[in-house]
PDB file of N, CA and C in Angstrom:
ATOM      1  N   UNK A   1     -98.355-180.044-104.330  1.00  0.00           N
ATOM      2  CA  UNK A   1     -97.909-180.472-104.819  1.00  0.00           C
ATOM      3  C   UNK A   1     -97.374-182.141-104.154  1.00  0.00           C
ATOM      4  N   UNK A   2     -97.671-182.813-105.636  1.00  0.00           N
ATOM      5  CA  UNK A   2     -98.090-184.794-104.297  1.00  0.00           C
ATOM      6  C   UNK A   2     -96.323-185.023-104.704  1.00  0.00           C
ATOM      7  N   UNK A   3     -96.337-185.586-104.037  1.00  0.00           N
ATOM      8  CA  UNK A   3     -95.129-186.520-103.282  1.00  0.00           C
ATOM      9  C   UNK A   3     -94.078-186.544-104.484  1.00  0.00           C
ATOM     10  N   UNK A   4     -94.980-187.384-105.358  1.00  0.00           N
ATOM     11  CA  UNK A   4     -93.265-187.785-106.570  1.00  0.00           C
ATOM     12  C   UNK A   4     -92.785-186.325-107.019  1.00  0.00           C
ATOM     13  N   UNK A   5     -93.950-185.686-107.390  1.00  0.00           N
ATOM     14  CA  UNK A   5     -93.529-184.390-107.833  1.00  0.00           C
ATOM     15  C   UNK A   5     -91.965-183.199-106.881  1.00  0.00           C
ATOM     16  N   UNK A   6     -92.835-183.618-105.142  1.00  0.00           N
ATOM     17  CA  UNK A   6     -91.848-183.083-104.483  1.00  0.00           C
ATOM     18  C   UNK A   6     -90.191-183.870-104.573  1.00  0.00           C
ATOM     19  N   UNK A   7     -89.812-185.663-104.475  1.00  0.00           N
ATOM     20  CA  UNK A   7     -89.246-186.259-104.125  1.00  0.00           C
ATOM     21  C   UNK A   7     -88.204-185.622-105.755  1.00  0.00           C
ATOM     22  N   UNK A   8     -88.635-185.957-106.918  1.00  0.00           N
ATOM     23  CA  UNK A   8     -87.905-185.270-108.149  1.00  0.00           C
ATOM     24  C   UNK A   8     -87.174-184.208-107.953  1.00  0.00           C
ATOM     25  N   UNK A   9     -87.960-182.843-106.981  1.00  0.00           N
ATOM     26  CA  UNK A   9     -87.521-181.591-107.377  1.00  0.00           C
ATOM     27  C   UNK A   9     -86.323-181.815-105.688  1.00  0.00           C
ATOM     28  N   UNK A  10     -86.591-182.051-105.021  1.00  0.00           N
ATOM     29  CA  UNK A  10     -85.505-182.100-104.393  1.00  0.00           C
ATOM     30  C   UNK A  10     -84.301-182.985-104.614  1.00  0.00           C
ATOM     31  N   UNK A  11     -84.212-184.296-104.813  1.00  0.00           N
ATOM     32  CA  UNK A  11     -83.093-185.382-105.669  1.00  0.00           C
ATOM     33  C   UNK A  11     -82.590-184.287-107.288  1.00  0.00           C
ATOM     34  N   UNK A  12     -83.310-183.373-107.409  1.00  0.00           N
ATOM     35  CA  UNK A  12     -82.352-183.045-108.952  1.00  0.00           C
ATOM     36  C   UNK A  12     -81.510-181.795-108.186  1.00  0.00           C
ATOM     37  N   UNK A  13     -82.334-180.622-107.129  1.00  0.00           N
ATOM     38  CA  UNK A  13     -81.731-180.067-106.562  1.00  0.00           C
ATOM     39  C   UNK A  13     -80.426-179.910-105.099  1.00  0.00           C
ATOM     40  N   UNK A  14     -81.117-180.266-104.151  1.00  0.00           N
ATOM     41  CA  UNK A  14     -80.193-180.336-103.264  1.00  0.00           C
ATOM     42  C   UNK A  14     -79.567-182.198-102.745  1.00  0.00           C
ATOM     43  N   UNK A  15     -80.267-182.296-103.600  1.00  0.00           N
ATOM     44  CA  UNK A  15     -78.926-184.074-103.554  1.00  0.00           C
ATOM     45  C   UNK A  15     -78.251-185.220-104.116  1.00  0.00           C
ATOM     46  N   UNK A  16     -78.436-183.957-105.597  1.00  0.00           N
ATOM     47  CA  UNK A  16     -77.845-184.198-106.408  1.00  0.00           C
ATOM     48  C   UNK A  16     -76.295-182.786-105.959  1.00  0.00           C
ATOM     49  N   UNK A  17     -76.659-181.862-105.037  1.00  0.00           N
ATOM     50  CA  UNK A  17     -75.201-181.286-104.656  1.00  0.00           C
ATOM     51  C   UNK A  17     -75.044-182.277-103.566  1.00  0.00           C
ATOM     52  N   UNK A  18     -75.743-182.871-102.320  1.00  0.00           N
ATOM     53  CA  UNK A  18     -75.283-183.624-101.098  1.00  0.00           C
ATOM     54  C   UNK A  18     -73.908-184.304-102.098  1.00  0.00           C
ATOM     55  N   UNK A  19     -73.994-185.536-103.286  1.00  0.00           N
ATOM     56  CA  UNK A  19     -73.747-186.613-104.208  1.00  0.00           C
ATOM     57  C   UNK A  19     -72.044-185.949-104.134  1.00  0.00           C
ATOM     58  N   UNK A  20     -72.822-184.747-104.754  1.00  0.00           N
ATOM     59  CA  UNK A  20     -71.564-184.129-105.262  1.00  0.00           C
ATOM     60  C   UNK A  20     -69.419-183.894-104.680  1.00  0.00           C
ATOM     61  N   UNK A  21     -70.709-183.066-103.225  1.00  0.00           N
ATOM     62  CA  UNK A  21     -69.489-183.112-102.709  1.00  0.00           C
ATOM     63  C   UNK A  21     -69.419-183.898-101.893  1.00  0.00           C
ATOM     64  N   UNK A  22     -70.204-184.703-101.747  1.00  0.00           N
ATOM     65  CA  UNK A  22     -69.033-186.041-100.761  1.00  0.00           C
ATOM     66  C   UNK A  22     -68.192-187.044-102.172  1.00  0.00           C
ATOM     67  N   UNK A  23     -68.441-186.450-103.452  1.00  0.00           N
ATOM     68  CA  UNK A  23     -67.807-187.397-104.157  1.00  0.00           C
ATOM     69  C   UNK A  23     -66.510-185.984-104.344  1.00  0.00           C
ATOM     70  N   UNK A  24     -66.280-185.325-104.404  1.00  0.00           N
ATOM     71  CA  UNK A  24     -65.344-184.091-104.238  1.00  0.00           C
ATOM     72  C   UNK A  24     -64.882-184.610-102.521  1.00  0.00           C
ATOM     73  N   UNK A  25     -65.694-184.603-102.229  1.00  0.00           N
ATOM     74  CA  UNK A  25     -64.520-184.985 -99.784  1.00  0.00           C
ATOM     75  C   UNK A  25     -63.691-186.325 -99.809  1.00  0.00           C
ATOM     76  N   UNK A  26     -64.243-187.122-100.764  1.00  0.00           N
ATOM     77  CA  UNK A  26     -63.867-188.272-100.840  1.00  0.00           C
ATOM     78  C   UNK A  26     -62.443-188.503-101.253  1.00  0.00           C
ATOM     79  N   UNK A  27     -63.021-187.966-103.168  1.00  0.00           N
ATOM     80  CA  UNK A  27     -61.197-186.991-103.380  1.00  0.00           C
ATOM     81  C   UNK A  27     -60.363-187.000-102.433  1.00  0.00           C
ATOM     82  N   UNK A  28     -61.165-185.365-101.674  1.00  0.00           N
ATOM     83  CA  UNK A  28     -59.869-185.241-100.897  1.00  0.00           C
ATOM     84  C   UNK A  28     -59.289-185.863-100.168  1.00  0.00           C
ATOM     85  N   UNK A  29     -59.516-186.455 -99.563  1.00  0.00           N
ATOM     86  CA  UNK A  29     -59.421-187.723 -98.504  1.00  0.00           C
ATOM     87  C   UNK A  29     -58.282-188.651 -98.635  1.00  0.00           C
ATOM     88  N   UNK A  30     -59.030-188.797 -99.985  1.00  0.00           N
ATOM     89  CA  UNK A  30     -58.101-190.116-100.590  1.00  0.00           C
ATOM     90  C   UNK A  30     -56.597-189.129-100.898  1.00  0.00           C
ATOM     91  N   UNK A  31     -56.168-187.849-101.588  1.00  0.00           N
ATOM     92  CA  UNK A  31     -55.890-187.673-102.446  1.00  0.00           C
ATOM     93  C   UNK A  31     -55.171-186.526-101.192  1.00  0.00           C
ATOM     94  N   UNK A  32     -55.441-185.936-100.075  1.00  0.00           N
ATOM     95  CA  UNK A  32     -54.894-185.243 -98.945  1.00  0.00           C
ATOM     96  C   UNK A  32     -53.761-185.973 -98.600  1.00  0.00           C
ATOM     97  N   UNK A  33     -51.907-184.783 -98.171  1.00  0.00           N
ATOM     98  CA  UNK A  33     -51.611-184.552 -98.277  1.00  0.00           C
ATOM     99  C   UNK A  33     -50.386-185.614 -97.129  1.00  0.00           C
ATOM    100  N   UNK A  34     -49.277-186.006 -96.925  1.00  0.00           N
ATOM    101  CA  UNK A  34     -50.001-187.467 -96.271  1.00  0.00           C
ATOM    102  C   UNK A  34     -50.123-189.080 -95.929  1.00  0.00           C
ATOM    103  N   UNK A  35     -50.838-188.489 -96.669  1.00  0.00           N
ATOM    104  CA  UNK A  35     -51.515-189.909 -96.849  1.00  0.00           C
ATOM    105  C   UNK A  35     -50.655-190.514 -97.928  1.00  0.00           C
ATOM    106  N   UNK A  36     -49.660-190.395 -98.408  1.00  0.00           N
ATOM    107  CA  UNK A  36     -48.700-191.362-100.107  1.00  0.00           C
ATOM    108  C   UNK A  36     -48.915-192.821 -98.784  1.00  0.00           C
ATOM    109  N   UNK A  37     -47.854-192.536 -97.819  1.00  0.00           N
ATOM    110  CA  UNK A  37     -47.074-193.314 -97.325  1.00  0.00           C
ATOM    111  C   UNK A  37     -48.045-194.985 -96.645  1.00  0.00           C
ATOM    112  N   UNK A  38     -49.020-194.140 -96.313  1.00  0.00           N
ATOM    113  CA  UNK A  38     -50.627-194.735 -95.969  1.00  0.00           C
ATOM    114  C   UNK A  38     -50.927-195.967 -96.617  1.00  0.00           C
ATOM    115  N   UNK A  39     -50.963-195.817 -97.645  1.00  0.00           N
ATOM    116  CA  UNK A  39     -52.061-195.983 -99.140  1.00  0.00           C
ATOM    117  C   UNK A  39     -50.247-196.648 -99.848  1.00  0.00           C
ATOM    118  N   UNK A  40     -48.782-196.567 -99.605  1.00  0.00           N
ATOM    119  CA  UNK A  40     -47.976-197.480-100.160  1.00  0.00           C
ATOM    120  C   UNK A  40     -48.088-198.545 -99.353  1.00  0.00           C
ATOM    121  N   UNK A  41     -47.908-198.302 -97.964  1.00  0.00           N
ATOM    122  CA  UNK A  41     -48.329-199.612 -97.602  1.00  0.00           C
ATOM    123  C   UNK A  41     -49.168-200.869 -97.049  1.00  0.00           C
ATOM    124  N   UNK A  42     -51.078-200.049 -97.306  1.00  0.00           N
ATOM    125  CA  UNK A  42     -52.350-200.919 -98.287  1.00  0.00           C
ATOM    126  C   UNK A  42     -51.780-201.393 -99.386  1.00  0.00           C
ATOM    127  N   UNK A  43     -51.114-200.918-100.367  1.00  0.00           N
ATOM    128  CA  UNK A  43     -50.648-202.096-101.207  1.00  0.00           C
ATOM    129  C   UNK A  43     -49.471-202.773-101.661  1.00  0.00           C
ATOM    130  N   UNK A  44     -48.745-202.394-100.363  1.00  0.00           N
ATOM    131  CA  UNK A  44     -47.865-203.567-101.029  1.00  0.00           C
ATOM    132  C   UNK A  44     -47.342-204.825 -99.925  1.00  0.00           C
ATOM    133  N   UNK A  45     -48.533-204.271 -99.344  1.00  0.00           N
ATOM    134  CA  UNK A  45     -48.994-205.313 -97.743  1.00  0.00           C
ATOM    135  C   UNK A  45     -49.460-206.223 -98.314  1.00  0.00           C
ATOM    136  N   UNK A  46     -49.615-207.166 -99.315  1.00  0.00           N
ATOM    137  CA  UNK A  46     -49.906-208.487 -99.689  1.00  0.00           C
ATOM    138  C   UNK A  46     -48.612-208.866-100.072  1.00  0.00           C
ATOM    139  N   UNK A  47     -47.617-208.384-100.671  1.00  0.00           N
ATOM    140  CA  UNK A  47     -45.818-208.663-100.583  1.00  0.00           C
ATOM    141  C   UNK A  47     -44.970-209.088 -99.472  1.00  0.00           C
ATOM    142  N   UNK A  48     -45.570-208.515 -98.159  1.00  0.00           N
ATOM    143  CA  UNK A  48     -44.816-208.932 -97.047  1.00  0.00           C
ATOM    144  C   UNK A  48     -44.117-210.160 -96.487  1.00  0.00           C
ATOM    145  N   UNK A  49     -44.943-211.004 -97.218  1.00  0.00           N
ATOM    146  CA  UNK A  49     -44.277-212.749 -96.755  1.00  0.00           C
ATOM    147  C   UNK A  49     -43.681-212.898 -97.647  1.00  0.00           C
ATOM    148  N   UNK A  50     -43.354-212.385 -98.862  1.00  0.00           N
ATOM    149  CA  UNK A  50     -43.349-212.633-100.403  1.00  0.00           C
ATOM    150  C   UNK A  50     -41.823-214.191-100.684  1.00  0.00           C
ATOM    151  N   UNK A  51     -40.483-213.239 -99.317  1.00  0.00           N
ATOM    152  CA  UNK A  51     -40.164-214.796-100.031  1.00  0.00           C
ATOM    153  C   UNK A  51     -39.638-215.562 -99.124  1.00  0.00           C
ATOM    154  N   UNK A  52     -40.503-215.080 -97.746  1.00  0.00           N
ATOM    155  CA  UNK A  52     -40.273-216.890 -96.566  1.00  0.00           C
ATOM    156  C   UNK A  52     -41.557-216.540 -96.048  1.00  0.00           C
ATOM    157  N   UNK A  53     -42.381-217.423 -96.031  1.00  0.00           N
ATOM    158  CA  UNK A  53     -44.191-217.617 -95.766  1.00  0.00           C
ATOM    159  C   UNK A  53     -43.692-217.658 -93.918  1.00  0.00           C
ATOM    160  N   UNK A  54     -44.997-216.193 -93.338  1.00  0.00           N
ATOM    161  CA  UNK A  54     -44.930-216.588 -92.097  1.00  0.00           C
ATOM    162  C   UNK A  54     -44.424-217.333 -91.264  1.00  0.00           C
ATOM    163  N   UNK A  55     -44.387-217.912 -89.869  1.00  0.00           N
ATOM    164  CA  UNK A  55     -44.239-218.603 -88.922  1.00  0.00           C
ATOM    165  C   UNK A  55     -45.532-218.735 -88.159  1.00  0.00           C
ATOM    166  N   UNK A  56     -45.901-220.101 -87.711  1.00  0.00           N
ATOM    167  CA  UNK A  56     -46.987-220.749 -87.601  1.00  0.00           C
ATOM    168  C   UNK A  56     -46.993-218.988 -85.980  1.00  0.00           C
ATOM    169  N   UNK A  57     -48.501-218.402 -86.296  1.00  0.00           N
ATOM    170  CA  UNK A  57     -48.303-217.784 -85.001  1.00  0.00           C
ATOM    171  C   UNK A  57     -47.908-216.538 -84.930  1.00  0.00           C
ATOM    172  N   UNK A  58     -46.412-215.898 -85.773  1.00  0.00           N
ATOM    173  CA  UNK A  58     -45.812-214.905 -85.595  1.00  0.00           C
ATOM    174  C   UNK A  58     -47.271-213.917 -85.915  1.00  0.00           C
ATOM    175  N   UNK A  59     -46.644-212.837 -85.724  1.00  0.00           N
ATOM    176  CA  UNK A  59     -47.453-212.159 -85.891  1.00  0.00           C
ATOM    177  C   UNK A  59     -46.790-211.035 -87.083  1.00  0.00           C
ATOM    178  N   UNK A  60     -48.080-210.179 -88.246  1.00  0.00           N
ATOM    179  CA  UNK A  60     -47.267-209.472 -89.745  1.00  0.00           C
ATOM    180  C   UNK A  60     -46.292-208.373 -89.147  1.00  0.00           C
ATOM    181  N   UNK A  61     -44.934-208.133 -89.440  1.00  0.00           N
ATOM    182  CA  UNK A  61     -44.396-206.865 -89.289  1.00  0.00           C
ATOM    183  C   UNK A  61     -45.393-205.373 -89.727  1.00  0.00           C
ATOM    184  N   UNK A  62     -45.938-204.511 -88.245  1.00  0.00           N
ATOM    185  CA  UNK A  62     -46.627-203.272 -89.093  1.00  0.00           C
ATOM    186  C   UNK A  62     -45.483-202.131 -89.635  1.00  0.00           C
TER     187      UNK A  62
END
């Protein structure tokens, strides 16, 4: 078996399975229970100092 055929067979089977499992794991990680507050905090972080700018040297509230 030449190298091309071997790599193609590997990519068609095991690498495809590995990438599908990685994709599903990423989805489960993003939608896991308890992650909603983290996602909301990340989404709203750009609005923390919307009304008044942060003072020089002031650390942002976390």
